[in-house]
Amino acid sequence: MEEKTCCHKTKERSEKEYKDLIHRLNRIEGQVRGIKKMVENDVYCTDILVQVSAVNAALNSFNKVLLANHIRTCVAEDIRKGKEETVDELVATLQKLMK
């Protein structure tokens, strides 16, 4: 019986890119924990909604940074190598992001 190998793609990030992304995620995680505490403490709905909006904005910002890095590195490299299917993958990803 042949063992199947995993086909997940990985990405090596520079230390600067890694630290920036982790910093953003840590801030978002803290914001989400703050929202949970607001709910637990019966904070007024509109105050919670404002904080949820801030988390959404932070996630959108994270996506923009990650997408820009992806295009500059992975996509550009694959196109230089002649891997045109990467453009189709990018288009599919953008369609998912824009739902």
PDB file of N, CA and C in Angstrom:
ATOM      1  N   MET A   1       0.836  -1.183   0.000  1.00  0.00           N
ATOM      2  CA  MET A   1       0.000   0.000   0.000  1.00  0.00           C
ATOM      3  C   MET A   1       0.882   1.247   0.000  1.00  0.00           C
ATOM      4  N   GLU A   2       0.629   2.156  -0.913  1.00  0.00           N
ATOM      5  CA  GLU A   2       1.413   3.395  -0.983  1.00  0.00           C
ATOM      6  C   GLU A   2       0.877   4.418  -0.011  1.00  0.00           C
ATOM      7  N   GLU A   3       1.804   5.101   0.642  1.00  0.00           N
ATOM      8  CA  GLU A   3       1.397   6.158   1.560  1.00  0.00           C
ATOM      9  C   GLU A   3       1.280   7.457   0.773  1.00  0.00           C
ATOM     10  N   LYS A   4       0.164   8.144   0.923  1.00  0.00           N
ATOM     11  CA  LYS A   4      -0.020   9.419   0.221  1.00  0.00           C
ATOM     12  C   LYS A   4       0.792  10.499   0.912  1.00  0.00           C
ATOM     13  N   THR A   5       1.403  11.340   0.112  1.00  0.00           N
ATOM     14  CA  THR A   5       2.135  12.460   0.688  1.00  0.00           C
ATOM     15  C   THR A   5       1.229  13.677   0.733  1.00  0.00           C
ATOM     16  N   CYS A   6       1.480  14.509   1.693  1.00  0.00           N
ATOM     17  CA  CYS A   6       0.680  15.715   1.863  1.00  0.00           C
ATOM     18  C   CYS A   6       1.036  16.724   0.774  1.00  0.00           C
ATOM     19  N   CYS A   7       0.064  17.419   0.299  1.00  0.00           N
ATOM     20  CA  CYS A   7       0.329  18.372  -0.782  1.00  0.00           C
ATOM     21  C   CYS A   7       0.033  19.810  -0.356  1.00  0.00           C
ATOM     22  N   HIS A   8       0.046  20.081   0.935  1.00  0.00           N
ATOM     23  CA  HIS A   8      -0.204  21.442   1.412  1.00  0.00           C
ATOM     24  C   HIS A   8       0.975  22.336   1.060  1.00  0.00           C
ATOM     25  N   LYS A   9       0.664  23.524   0.589  1.00  0.00           N
ATOM     26  CA  LYS A   9       1.708  24.494   0.288  1.00  0.00           C
ATOM     27  C   LYS A   9       2.131  25.176   1.582  1.00  0.00           C
ATOM     28  N   THR A  10       3.379  25.581   1.633  1.00  0.00           N
ATOM     29  CA  THR A  10       3.862  26.349   2.773  1.00  0.00           C
ATOM     30  C   THR A  10       4.534  27.607   2.249  1.00  0.00           C
ATOM     31  N   LYS A  11       4.822  28.523   3.156  1.00  0.00           N
ATOM     32  CA  LYS A  11       5.416  29.798   2.773  1.00  0.00           C
ATOM     33  C   LYS A  11       6.424  30.190   3.826  1.00  0.00           C
ATOM     34  N   GLU A  12       7.660  30.382   3.416  1.00  0.00           N
ATOM     35  CA  GLU A  12       8.669  30.920   4.334  1.00  0.00           C
ATOM     36  C   GLU A  12       8.544  32.431   4.316  1.00  0.00           C
ATOM     37  N   ARG A  13       8.378  33.005   5.508  1.00  0.00           N
ATOM     38  CA  ARG A  13       8.224  34.460   5.612  1.00  0.00           C
ATOM     39  C   ARG A  13       9.480  35.061   6.220  1.00  0.00           C
ATOM     40  N   SER A  14       9.764  36.283   5.833  1.00  0.00           N
ATOM     41  CA  SER A  14      10.880  36.981   6.465  1.00  0.00           C
ATOM     42  C   SER A  14      10.522  37.214   7.926  1.00  0.00           C
ATOM     43  N   GLU A  15      11.535  37.451   8.747  1.00  0.00           N
ATOM     44  CA  GLU A  15      11.277  37.693  10.167  1.00  0.00           C
ATOM     45  C   GLU A  15      10.406  38.926  10.355  1.00  0.00           C
ATOM     46  N   LYS A  16      10.646  39.956   9.534  1.00  0.00           N
ATOM     47  CA  LYS A  16       9.860  41.195   9.624  1.00  0.00           C
ATOM     48  C   LYS A  16       8.388  40.920   9.306  1.00  0.00           C
ATOM     49  N   GLU A  17       8.134  40.199   8.202  1.00  0.00           N
ATOM     50  CA  GLU A  17       6.756  39.883   7.812  1.00  0.00           C
ATOM     51  C   GLU A  17       6.082  39.028   8.881  1.00  0.00           C
ATOM     52  N   TYR A  18       6.799  38.022   9.371  1.00  0.00           N
ATOM     53  CA  TYR A  18       6.257  37.129  10.397  1.00  0.00           C
ATOM     54  C   TYR A  18       5.874  37.928  11.646  1.00  0.00           C
ATOM     55  N   LYS A  19       6.795  38.763  12.123  1.00  0.00           N
ATOM     56  CA  LYS A  19       6.529  39.541  13.340  1.00  0.00           C
ATOM     57  C   LYS A  19       5.348  40.484  13.150  1.00  0.00           C
ATOM     58  N   ASP A  20       5.242  41.112  11.983  1.00  0.00           N
ATOM     59  CA  ASP A  20       4.122  42.023  11.708  1.00  0.00           C
ATOM     60  C   ASP A  20       2.798  41.276  11.736  1.00  0.00           C
ATOM     61  N   LEU A  21       2.738  40.134  11.065  1.00  0.00           N
ATOM     62  CA  LEU A  21       1.485  39.366  11.023  1.00  0.00           C
ATOM     63  C   LEU A  21       1.101  38.866  12.409  1.00  0.00           C
ATOM     64  N   ILE A  22       2.062  38.348  13.159  1.00  0.00           N
ATOM     65  CA  ILE A  22       1.776  37.846  14.505  1.00  0.00           C
ATOM     66  C   ILE A  22       1.332  38.989  15.417  1.00  0.00           C
ATOM     67  N   HIS A  23       1.984  40.141  15.302  1.00  0.00           N
ATOM     68  CA  HIS A  23       1.595  41.304  16.108  1.00  0.00           C
ATOM     69  C   HIS A  23       0.147  41.696  15.818  1.00  0.00           C
ATOM     70  N   ARG A  24      -0.217  41.734  14.544  1.00  0.00           N
ATOM     71  CA  ARG A  24      -1.588  42.070  14.164  1.00  0.00           C
ATOM     72  C   ARG A  24      -2.578  41.053  14.732  1.00  0.00           C
ATOM     73  N   LEU A  25      -2.234  39.761  14.611  1.00  0.00           N
ATOM     74  CA  LEU A  25      -3.128  38.711  15.116  1.00  0.00           C
ATOM     75  C   LEU A  25      -3.258  38.767  16.637  1.00  0.00           C
ATOM     76  N   ASN A  26      -2.174  39.061  17.325  1.00  0.00           N
ATOM     77  CA  ASN A  26      -2.240  39.182  18.780  1.00  0.00           C
ATOM     78  C   ASN A  26      -3.158  40.325  19.199  1.00  0.00           C
ATOM     79  N   ARG A  27      -3.071  41.450  18.474  1.00  0.00           N
ATOM     80  CA  ARG A  27      -3.954  42.575  18.782  1.00  0.00           C
ATOM     81  C   ARG A  27      -5.409  42.194  18.534  1.00  0.00           C
ATOM     82  N   ILE A  28      -5.673  41.527  17.422  1.00  0.00           N
ATOM     83  CA  ILE A  28      -7.042  41.104  17.099  1.00  0.00           C
ATOM     84  C   ILE A  28      -7.552  40.136  18.158  1.00  0.00           C
ATOM     85  N   GLU A  29      -6.710  39.192  18.554  1.00  0.00           N
ATOM     86  CA  GLU A  29      -7.089  38.235  19.588  1.00  0.00           C
ATOM     87  C   GLU A  29      -7.452  38.962  20.887  1.00  0.00           C
ATOM     88  N   GLY A  30      -6.676  39.965  21.249  1.00  0.00           N
ATOM     89  CA  GLY A  30      -6.979  40.753  22.443  1.00  0.00           C
ATOM     90  C   GLY A  30      -8.301  41.494  22.315  1.00  0.00           C
ATOM     91  N   GLN A  31      -8.556  42.034  21.122  1.00  0.00           N
ATOM     92  CA  GLN A  31      -9.823  42.732  20.888  1.00  0.00           C
ATOM     93  C   GLN A  31     -11.007  41.770  21.040  1.00  0.00           C
ATOM     94  N   VAL A  32     -10.866  40.556  20.507  1.00  0.00           N
ATOM     95  CA  VAL A  32     -11.946  39.568  20.593  1.00  0.00           C
ATOM     96  C   VAL A  32     -12.184  39.168  22.046  1.00  0.00           C
ATOM     97  N   ARG A  33     -11.100  38.985  22.802  1.00  0.00           N
ATOM     98  CA  ARG A  33     -11.260  38.678  24.230  1.00  0.00           C
ATOM     99  C   ARG A  33     -11.964  39.831  24.954  1.00  0.00           C
ATOM    100  N   GLY A  34     -11.649  41.060  24.546  1.00  0.00           N
ATOM    101  CA  GLY A  34     -12.324  42.220  25.133  1.00  0.00           C
ATOM    102  C   GLY A  34     -13.812  42.217  24.836  1.00  0.00           C
ATOM    103  N   ILE A  35     -14.183  41.842  23.633  1.00  0.00           N
ATOM    104  CA  ILE A  35     -15.602  41.754  23.270  1.00  0.00           C
ATOM    105  C   ILE A  35     -16.294  40.693  24.110  1.00  0.00           C
ATOM    106  N   LYS A  36     -15.632  39.560  24.298  1.00  0.00           N
ATOM    107  CA  LYS A  36     -16.213  38.490  25.123  1.00  0.00           C
ATOM    108  C   LYS A  36     -16.481  39.002  26.532  1.00  0.00           C
ATOM    109  N   LYS A  37     -15.528  39.733  27.100  1.00  0.00           N
ATOM    110  CA  LYS A  37     -15.724  40.290  28.442  1.00  0.00           C
ATOM    111  C   LYS A  37     -16.863  41.300  28.461  1.00  0.00           C
ATOM    112  N   MET A  38     -16.985  42.063  27.394  1.00  0.00           N
ATOM    113  CA  MET A  38     -18.088  43.023  27.313  1.00  0.00           C
ATOM    114  C   MET A  38     -19.423  42.290  27.370  1.00  0.00           C
ATOM    115  N   VAL A  39     -19.542  41.184  26.642  1.00  0.00           N
ATOM    116  CA  VAL A  39     -20.777  40.395  26.656  1.00  0.00           C
ATOM    117  C   VAL A  39     -21.003  39.822  28.048  1.00  0.00           C
ATOM    118  N   GLU A  40     -19.941  39.270  28.638  1.00  0.00           N
ATOM    119  CA  GLU A  40     -20.054  38.693  29.990  1.00  0.00           C
ATOM    120  C   GLU A  40     -20.466  39.744  31.022  1.00  0.00           C
ATOM    121  N   ASN A  41     -20.063  41.000  30.802  1.00  0.00           N
ATOM    122  CA  ASN A  41     -20.369  42.078  31.749  1.00  0.00           C
ATOM    123  C   ASN A  41     -21.620  42.876  31.369  1.00  0.00           C
ATOM    124  N   ASP A  42     -22.414  42.333  30.451  1.00  0.00           N
ATOM    125  CA  ASP A  42     -23.678  42.950  30.042  1.00  0.00           C
ATOM    126  C   ASP A  42     -23.520  44.390  29.555  1.00  0.00           C
ATOM    127  N   VAL A  43     -22.453  44.636  28.810  1.00  0.00           N
ATOM    128  CA  VAL A  43     -22.235  45.967  28.239  1.00  0.00           C
ATOM    129  C   VAL A  43     -23.309  46.230  27.185  1.00  0.00           C
ATOM    130  N   TYR A  44     -23.658  47.478  27.028  1.00  0.00           N
ATOM    131  CA  TYR A  44     -24.701  47.907  26.092  1.00  0.00           C
ATOM    132  C   TYR A  44     -24.350  47.474  24.659  1.00  0.00           C
ATOM    133  N   CYS A  45     -25.362  47.031  23.935  1.00  0.00           N
ATOM    134  CA  CYS A  45     -25.191  46.440  22.602  1.00  0.00           C
ATOM    135  C   CYS A  45     -24.394  47.311  21.637  1.00  0.00           C
ATOM    136  N   THR A  46     -24.712  48.585  21.550  1.00  0.00           N
ATOM    137  CA  THR A  46     -24.025  49.425  20.567  1.00  0.00           C
ATOM    138  C   THR A  46     -22.539  49.557  20.879  1.00  0.00           C
ATOM    139  N   ASP A  47     -22.176  49.547  22.151  1.00  0.00           N
ATOM    140  CA  ASP A  47     -20.756  49.598  22.513  1.00  0.00           C
ATOM    141  C   ASP A  47     -20.032  48.340  22.025  1.00  0.00           C
ATOM    142  N   ILE A  48     -20.694  47.201  22.148  1.00  0.00           N
ATOM    143  CA  ILE A  48     -20.115  45.940  21.662  1.00  0.00           C
ATOM    144  C   ILE A  48     -20.012  45.973  20.138  1.00  0.00           C
ATOM    145  N   LEU A  49     -21.058  46.450  19.487  1.00  0.00           N
ATOM    146  CA  LEU A  49     -21.055  46.509  18.022  1.00  0.00           C
ATOM    147  C   LEU A  49     -19.910  47.371  17.493  1.00  0.00           C
ATOM    148  N   VAL A  50     -19.606  48.460  18.170  1.00  0.00           N
ATOM    149  CA  VAL A  50     -18.494  49.320  17.766  1.00  0.00           C
ATOM    150  C   VAL A  50     -17.183  48.545  17.855  1.00  0.00           C
ATOM    151  N   GLN A  51     -17.020  47.754  18.907  1.00  0.00           N
ATOM    152  CA  GLN A  51     -15.798  46.964  19.060  1.00  0.00           C
ATOM    153  C   GLN A  51     -15.713  45.844  18.021  1.00  0.00           C
ATOM    154  N   VAL A  52     -16.845  45.246  17.695  1.00  0.00           N
ATOM    155  CA  VAL A  52     -16.873  44.219  16.647  1.00  0.00           C
ATOM    156  C   VAL A  52     -16.471  44.842  15.310  1.00  0.00           C
ATOM    157  N   SER A  53     -16.944  46.037  15.057  1.00  0.00           N
ATOM    158  CA  SER A  53     -16.572  46.742  13.828  1.00  0.00           C
ATOM    159  C   SER A  53     -15.059  46.987  13.779  1.00  0.00           C
ATOM    160  N   ALA A  54     -14.474  47.321  14.926  1.00  0.00           N
ATOM    161  CA  ALA A  54     -13.023  47.539  14.986  1.00  0.00           C
ATOM    162  C   ALA A  54     -12.266  46.247  14.686  1.00  0.00           C
ATOM    163  N   VAL A  55     -12.768  45.112  15.180  1.00  0.00           N
ATOM    164  CA  VAL A  55     -12.139  43.822  14.897  1.00  0.00           C
ATOM    165  C   VAL A  55     -12.250  43.499  13.405  1.00  0.00           C
ATOM    166  N   ASN A  56     -13.420  43.739  12.829  1.00  0.00           N
ATOM    167  CA  ASN A  56     -13.594  43.510  11.387  1.00  0.00           C
ATOM    168  C   ASN A  56     -12.601  44.347  10.580  1.00  0.00           C
ATOM    169  N   ALA A  57     -12.421  45.613  10.970  1.00  0.00           N
ATOM    170  CA  ALA A  57     -11.475  46.484  10.269  1.00  0.00           C
ATOM    171  C   ALA A  57     -10.049  45.954  10.415  1.00  0.00           C
ATOM    172  N   ALA A  58      -9.708  45.472  11.603  1.00  0.00           N
ATOM    173  CA  ALA A  58      -8.367  44.926  11.833  1.00  0.00           C
ATOM    174  C   ALA A  58      -8.146  43.657  11.013  1.00  0.00           C
ATOM    175  N   LEU A  59      -9.152  42.807  10.916  1.00  0.00           N
ATOM    176  CA  LEU A  59      -9.041  41.602  10.088  1.00  0.00           C
ATOM    177  C   LEU A  59      -8.909  41.960   8.610  1.00  0.00           C
ATOM    178  N   ASN A  60      -9.666  42.947   8.159  1.00  0.00           N
ATOM    179  CA  ASN A  60      -9.552  43.393   6.765  1.00  0.00           C
ATOM    180  C   ASN A  60      -8.155  43.934   6.480  1.00  0.00           C
ATOM    181  N   SER A  61      -7.600  44.675   7.424  1.00  0.00           N
ATOM    182  CA  SER A  61      -6.251  45.196   7.275  1.00  0.00           C
ATOM    183  C   SER A  61      -5.235  44.055   7.218  1.00  0.00           C
ATOM    184  N   PHE A  62      -5.414  43.053   8.078  1.00  0.00           N
ATOM    185  CA  PHE A  62      -4.553  41.869   8.064  1.00  0.00           C
ATOM    186  C   PHE A  62      -4.614  41.191   6.698  1.00  0.00           C
ATOM    187  N   ASN A  63      -5.831  41.013   6.179  1.00  0.00           N
ATOM    188  CA  ASN A  63      -6.003  40.393   4.863  1.00  0.00           C
ATOM    189  C   ASN A  63      -5.288  41.178   3.771  1.00  0.00           C
ATOM    190  N   LYS A  64      -5.392  42.494   3.802  1.00  0.00           N
ATOM    191  CA  LYS A  64      -4.745  43.329   2.784  1.00  0.00           C
ATOM    192  C   LYS A  64      -3.239  43.165   2.809  1.00  0.00           C
ATOM    193  N   VAL A  65      -2.660  43.163   4.012  1.00  0.00           N
ATOM    194  CA  VAL A  65      -1.207  43.001   4.148  1.00  0.00           C
ATOM    195  C   VAL A  65      -0.787  41.619   3.657  1.00  0.00           C
ATOM    196  N   LEU A  66      -1.503  40.587   4.093  1.00  0.00           N
ATOM    197  CA  LEU A  66      -1.170  39.220   3.699  1.00  0.00           C
ATOM    198  C   LEU A  66      -1.322  39.024   2.189  1.00  0.00           C
ATOM    199  N   LEU A  67      -2.389  39.559   1.625  1.00  0.00           N
ATOM    200  CA  LEU A  67      -2.616  39.440   0.187  1.00  0.00           C
ATOM    201  C   LEU A  67      -1.529  40.162  -0.610  1.00  0.00           C
ATOM    202  N   ALA A  68      -1.167  41.358  -0.187  1.00  0.00           N
ATOM    203  CA  ALA A  68      -0.112  42.101  -0.880  1.00  0.00           C
ATOM    204  C   ALA A  68       1.206  41.333  -0.837  1.00  0.00           C
ATOM    205  N   ASN A  69       1.548  40.785   0.326  1.00  0.00           N
ATOM    206  CA  ASN A  69       2.773  39.991   0.447  1.00  0.00           C
ATOM    207  C   ASN A  69       2.706  38.757  -0.449  1.00  0.00           C
ATOM    208  N   HIS A  70       1.551  38.117  -0.488  1.00  0.00           N
ATOM    209  CA  HIS A  70       1.361  36.918  -1.318  1.00  0.00           C
ATOM    210  C   HIS A  70       1.583  37.249  -2.794  1.00  0.00           C
ATOM    211  N   ILE A  71       1.002  38.340  -3.247  1.00  0.00           N
ATOM    212  CA  ILE A  71       1.146  38.718  -4.656  1.00  0.00           C
ATOM    213  C   ILE A  71       2.605  39.048  -4.975  1.00  0.00           C
ATOM    214  N   ARG A  72       3.250  39.806  -4.086  1.00  0.00           N
ATOM    215  CA  ARG A  72       4.642  40.215  -4.331  1.00  0.00           C
ATOM    216  C   ARG A  72       5.619  39.045  -4.313  1.00  0.00           C
ATOM    217  N   THR A  73       5.302  38.003  -3.563  1.00  0.00           N
ATOM    218  CA  THR A  73       6.249  36.898  -3.430  1.00  0.00           C
ATOM    219  C   THR A  73       5.770  35.663  -4.191  1.00  0.00           C
ATOM    220  N   CYS A  74       4.839  34.935  -3.629  1.00  0.00           N
ATOM    221  CA  CYS A  74       4.398  33.654  -4.198  1.00  0.00           C
ATOM    222  C   CYS A  74       3.891  33.780  -5.631  1.00  0.00           C
ATOM    223  N   VAL A  75       2.967  34.712  -5.850  1.00  0.00           N
ATOM    224  CA  VAL A  75       2.352  34.844  -7.174  1.00  0.00           C
ATOM    225  C   VAL A  75       3.386  35.291  -8.199  1.00  0.00           C
ATOM    226  N   ALA A  76       4.150  36.328  -7.857  1.00  0.00           N
ATOM    227  CA  ALA A  76       5.159  36.834  -8.800  1.00  0.00           C
ATOM    228  C   ALA A  76       6.185  35.751  -9.136  1.00  0.00           C
ATOM    229  N   GLU A  77       6.618  35.000  -8.119  1.00  0.00           N
ATOM    230  CA  GLU A  77       7.604  33.937  -8.341  1.00  0.00           C
ATOM    231  C   GLU A  77       7.042  32.841  -9.236  1.00  0.00           C
ATOM    232  N   ASP A  78       5.804  32.424  -8.962  1.00  0.00           N
ATOM    233  CA  ASP A  78       5.185  31.378  -9.779  1.00  0.00           C
ATOM    234  C   ASP A  78       4.997  31.835 -11.224  1.00  0.00           C
ATOM    235  N   ILE A  79       4.620  33.079 -11.434  1.00  0.00           N
ATOM    236  CA  ILE A  79       4.450  33.587 -12.801  1.00  0.00           C
ATOM    237  C   ILE A  79       5.793  33.582 -13.531  1.00  0.00           C
ATOM    238  N   ARG A  80       6.865  34.003 -12.826  1.00  0.00           N
ATOM    239  CA  ARG A  80       8.194  33.968 -13.445  1.00  0.00           C
ATOM    240  C   ARG A  80       8.597  32.548 -13.824  1.00  0.00           C
ATOM    241  N   LYS A  81       8.124  31.567 -13.045  1.00  0.00           N
ATOM    242  CA  LYS A  81       8.428  30.158 -13.331  1.00  0.00           C
ATOM    243  C   LYS A  81       7.492  29.570 -14.385  1.00  0.00           C
ATOM    244  N   GLY A  82       6.520  30.368 -14.853  1.00  0.00           N
ATOM    245  CA  GLY A  82       5.591  29.893 -15.867  1.00  0.00           C
ATOM    246  C   GLY A  82       4.393  29.146 -15.317  1.00  0.00           C
ATOM    247  N   LYS A  83       4.163  29.210 -14.032  1.00  0.00           N
ATOM    248  CA  LYS A  83       3.014  28.523 -13.409  1.00  0.00           C
ATOM    249  C   LYS A  83       1.781  29.423 -13.493  1.00  0.00           C
ATOM    250  N   GLU A  84       1.163  29.420 -14.637  1.00  0.00           N
ATOM    251  CA  GLU A  84       0.008  30.292 -14.883  1.00  0.00           C
ATOM    252  C   GLU A  84      -1.201  29.932 -14.025  1.00  0.00           C
ATOM    253  N   GLU A  85      -1.265  28.699 -13.534  1.00  0.00           N
ATOM    254  CA  GLU A  85      -2.404  28.294 -12.699  1.00  0.00           C
ATOM    255  C   GLU A  85      -2.476  29.106 -11.413  1.00  0.00           C
ATOM    256  N   THR A  86      -1.369  29.715 -11.039  1.00  0.00           N
ATOM    257  CA  THR A  86      -1.348  30.553  -9.840  1.00  0.00           C
ATOM    258  C   THR A  86      -2.266  31.760 -10.003  1.00  0.00           C
ATOM    259  N   VAL A  87      -2.391  32.277 -11.213  1.00  0.00           N
ATOM    260  CA  VAL A  87      -3.291  33.401 -11.466  1.00  0.00           C
ATOM    261  C   VAL A  87      -4.733  32.958 -11.224  1.00  0.00           C
ATOM    262  N   ASP A  88      -5.085  31.762 -11.690  1.00  0.00           N
ATOM    263  CA  ASP A  88      -6.437  31.232 -11.454  1.00  0.00           C
ATOM    264  C   ASP A  88      -6.695  31.066  -9.959  1.00  0.00           C
ATOM    265  N   GLU A  89      -5.677  30.579  -9.229  1.00  0.00           N
ATOM    266  CA  GLU A  89      -5.799  30.420  -7.784  1.00  0.00           C
ATOM    267  C   GLU A  89      -6.016  31.773  -7.109  1.00  0.00           C
ATOM    268  N   LEU A  90      -5.285  32.791  -7.556  1.00  0.00           N
ATOM    269  CA  LEU A  90      -5.431  34.133  -7.002  1.00  0.00           C
ATOM    270  C   LEU A  90      -6.825  34.688  -7.279  1.00  0.00           C
ATOM    271  N   VAL A  91      -7.311  34.503  -8.490  1.00  0.00           N
ATOM    272  CA  VAL A  91      -8.657  34.975  -8.838  1.00  0.00           C
ATOM    273  C   VAL A  91      -9.702  34.292  -7.957  1.00  0.00           C
ATOM    274  N   ALA A  92      -9.567  32.987  -7.765  1.00  0.00           N
ATOM    275  CA  ALA A  92     -10.513  32.247  -6.915  1.00  0.00           C
ATOM    276  C   ALA A  92     -10.447  32.761  -5.469  1.00  0.00           C
ATOM    277  N   THR A  93      -9.251  33.036  -4.999  1.00  0.00           N
ATOM    278  CA  THR A  93      -9.101  33.562  -3.641  1.00  0.00           C
ATOM    279  C   THR A  93      -9.758  34.925  -3.513  1.00  0.00           C
ATOM    280  N   LEU A  94      -9.530  35.793  -4.480  1.00  0.00           N
ATOM    281  CA  LEU A  94     -10.140  37.132  -4.452  1.00  0.00           C
ATOM    282  C   LEU A  94     -11.653  37.043  -4.482  1.00  0.00           C
ATOM    283  N   GLN A  95     -12.187  36.109  -5.256  1.00  0.00           N
ATOM    284  CA  GLN A  95     -13.651  35.940  -5.300  1.00  0.00           C
ATOM    285  C   GLN A  95     -14.187  35.522  -3.935  1.00  0.00           C
ATOM    286  N   LYS A  96     -13.463  34.663  -3.219  1.00  0.00           N
ATOM    287  CA  LYS A  96     -13.877  34.243  -1.880  1.00  0.00           C
ATOM    288  C   LYS A  96     -13.820  35.426  -0.903  1.00  0.00           C
ATOM    289  N   LEU A  97     -12.782  36.244  -1.028  1.00  0.00           N
ATOM    290  CA  LEU A  97     -12.614  37.380  -0.125  1.00  0.00           C
ATOM    291  C   LEU A  97     -13.666  38.452  -0.342  1.00  0.00           C
ATOM    292  N   MET A  98     -14.215  38.524  -1.554  1.00  0.00           N
ATOM    293  CA  MET A  98     -15.135  39.608  -1.893  1.00  0.00           C
ATOM    294  C   MET A  98     -16.603  39.209  -1.785  1.00  0.00           C
ATOM    295  N   LYS A  99     -16.898  38.120  -1.119  1.00  0.00           N
ATOM    296  CA  LYS A  99     -18.295  37.689  -0.955  1.00  0.00           C
ATOM    297  C   LYS A  99     -19.062  38.680  -0.120  1.00  0.00           C
TER     298      LYS A  99
END
